[in-house]
Amino acid sequence: MSETPVTITAYPDGPLLVRGDARIQSSDGREVVRTRRTVALCRCGLSTIKPFCDGTHKASGFRTDD
């Protein structure tokens, strides 16, 4: 990975958008393969492609506290 800055943006009622060369790992420590430089991570827990967001939060009515 290069040394580009990493930014993580929490979208209201939506995913965490990760930009840059962040290394993402599962709860058991395995690296999650990224095929894109910018990825959206699920916060609602309902995505069928976890840890990535598939847009399910919209239909489920997921709301954040922000």
C-alpha atoms as a PDB file:
ATOM      1  CA  MET A   1       0.000   0.000   0.000  1.00  0.00           C
ATOM      2  CA  SER A   2       1.149   3.512  -0.706  1.00  0.00           C
ATOM      3  CA  GLU A   3       1.294   6.344   1.763  1.00  0.00           C
ATOM      4  CA  THR A   4      -1.823   8.180   0.617  1.00  0.00           C
ATOM      5  CA  PRO A   5      -3.952   9.646   3.391  1.00  0.00           C
ATOM      6  CA  VAL A   6      -6.863   7.560   4.624  1.00  0.00           C
ATOM      7  CA  THR A   7     -10.194   9.205   5.303  1.00  0.00           C
ATOM      8  CA  ILE A   8     -13.251   7.592   6.822  1.00  0.00           C
ATOM      9  CA  THR A   9     -16.533   9.446   6.471  1.00  0.00           C
ATOM     10  CA  ALA A  10     -19.642   8.382   8.375  1.00  0.00           C
ATOM     11  CA  TYR A  11     -22.666   9.143   6.232  1.00  0.00           C
ATOM     12  CA  PRO A  12     -25.851   9.933   8.172  1.00  0.00           C
ATOM     13  CA  ASP A  13     -28.171   6.919   8.078  1.00  0.00           C
ATOM     14  CA  GLY A  14     -25.682   5.119   5.826  1.00  0.00           C
ATOM     15  CA  PRO A  15     -22.292   3.456   5.522  1.00  0.00           C
ATOM     16  CA  LEU A  16     -18.759   4.398   6.460  1.00  0.00           C
ATOM     17  CA  LEU A  17     -16.961   5.511   3.309  1.00  0.00           C
ATOM     18  CA  VAL A  18     -13.273   4.564   3.409  1.00  0.00           C
ATOM     19  CA  ARG A  19     -10.949   6.347   0.983  1.00  0.00           C
ATOM     20  CA  GLY A  20      -7.256   5.601   0.638  1.00  0.00           C
ATOM     21  CA  ASP A  21      -4.994   2.708   1.447  1.00  0.00           C
ATOM     22  CA  ALA A  22      -6.608   1.453   4.653  1.00  0.00           C
ATOM     23  CA  ARG A  23      -6.098  -2.203   5.507  1.00  0.00           C
ATOM     24  CA  ILE A  24      -9.414  -3.791   6.491  1.00  0.00           C
ATOM     25  CA  GLN A  25      -9.506  -6.994   8.487  1.00  0.00           C
ATOM     26  CA  SER A  26     -12.239  -9.293   9.715  1.00  0.00           C
ATOM     27  CA  SER A  27     -12.950  -9.939  13.388  1.00  0.00           C
ATOM     28  CA  ASP A  28     -10.719 -13.016  13.241  1.00  0.00           C
ATOM     29  CA  GLY A  29      -7.792 -11.004  11.844  1.00  0.00           C
ATOM     30  CA  ARG A  30      -7.968 -12.037   8.192  1.00  0.00           C
ATOM     31  CA  GLU A  31      -7.422  -9.285   5.655  1.00  0.00           C
ATOM     32  CA  VAL A  32     -10.536  -8.322   3.700  1.00  0.00           C
ATOM     33  CA  VAL A  33      -9.697  -8.086   0.009  1.00  0.00           C
ATOM     34  CA  ARG A  34     -10.489  -4.720  -1.545  1.00  0.00           C
ATOM     35  CA  THR A  35     -10.993  -4.386  -5.274  1.00  0.00           C
ATOM     36  CA  ARG A  36     -11.608  -0.632  -5.144  1.00  0.00           C
ATOM     37  CA  ARG A  37      -9.701   2.285  -3.716  1.00  0.00           C
ATOM     38  CA  THR A  38     -12.877   3.674  -2.091  1.00  0.00           C
ATOM     39  CA  VAL A  39     -15.229   1.277  -0.294  1.00  0.00           C
ATOM     40  CA  ALA A  40     -18.439   1.643   1.722  1.00  0.00           C
ATOM     41  CA  LEU A  41     -18.614  -0.381   4.930  1.00  0.00           C
ATOM     42  CA  CYS A  42     -21.957  -1.528   6.319  1.00  0.00           C
ATOM     43  CA  ARG A  43     -23.178  -0.007   9.586  1.00  0.00           C
ATOM     44  CA  CYS A  44     -26.718  -1.386   9.676  1.00  0.00           C
ATOM     45  CA  GLY A  45     -25.655  -5.038   9.890  1.00  0.00           C
ATOM     46  CA  LEU A  46     -28.072  -6.160   7.170  1.00  0.00           C
ATOM     47  CA  SER A  47     -25.846  -6.143   4.065  1.00  0.00           C
ATOM     48  CA  THR A  48     -25.553  -9.407   2.156  1.00  0.00           C
ATOM     49  CA  ILE A  49     -21.956  -8.545   1.195  1.00  0.00           C
ATOM     50  CA  LYS A  50     -20.570  -7.646   4.649  1.00  0.00           C
ATOM     51  CA  PRO A  51     -18.387  -5.928   5.561  1.00  0.00           C
ATOM     52  CA  PHE A  52     -19.317  -3.886   2.494  1.00  0.00           C
ATOM     53  CA  CYS A  53     -22.547  -1.922   2.102  1.00  0.00           C
ATOM     54  CA  ASP A  54     -25.140  -3.112  -0.433  1.00  0.00           C
ATOM     55  CA  GLY A  55     -27.681  -0.338   0.193  1.00  0.00           C
ATOM     56  CA  THR A  56     -29.973  -2.434   2.416  1.00  0.00           C
ATOM     57  CA  HIS A  57     -29.939   0.330   5.050  1.00  0.00           C
ATOM     58  CA  LYS A  58     -32.254   2.420   2.864  1.00  0.00           C
ATOM     59  CA  ALA A  59     -35.059  -0.164   2.719  1.00  0.00           C
ATOM     60  CA  SER A  60     -34.645  -1.161   6.370  1.00  0.00           C
ATOM     61  CA  GLY A  61     -35.044   2.369   7.711  1.00  0.00           C
ATOM     62  CA  PHE A  62     -31.637   2.304   9.435  1.00  0.00           C
ATOM     63  CA  ARG A  63     -30.938   5.507  11.320  1.00  0.00           C
ATOM     64  CA  THR A  64     -27.766   6.744  12.988  1.00  0.00           C
ATOM     65  CA  ASP A  65     -27.588   8.876  16.104  1.00  0.00           C
ATOM     66  CA  ASP A  66     -25.898  11.844  14.363  1.00  0.00           C
END
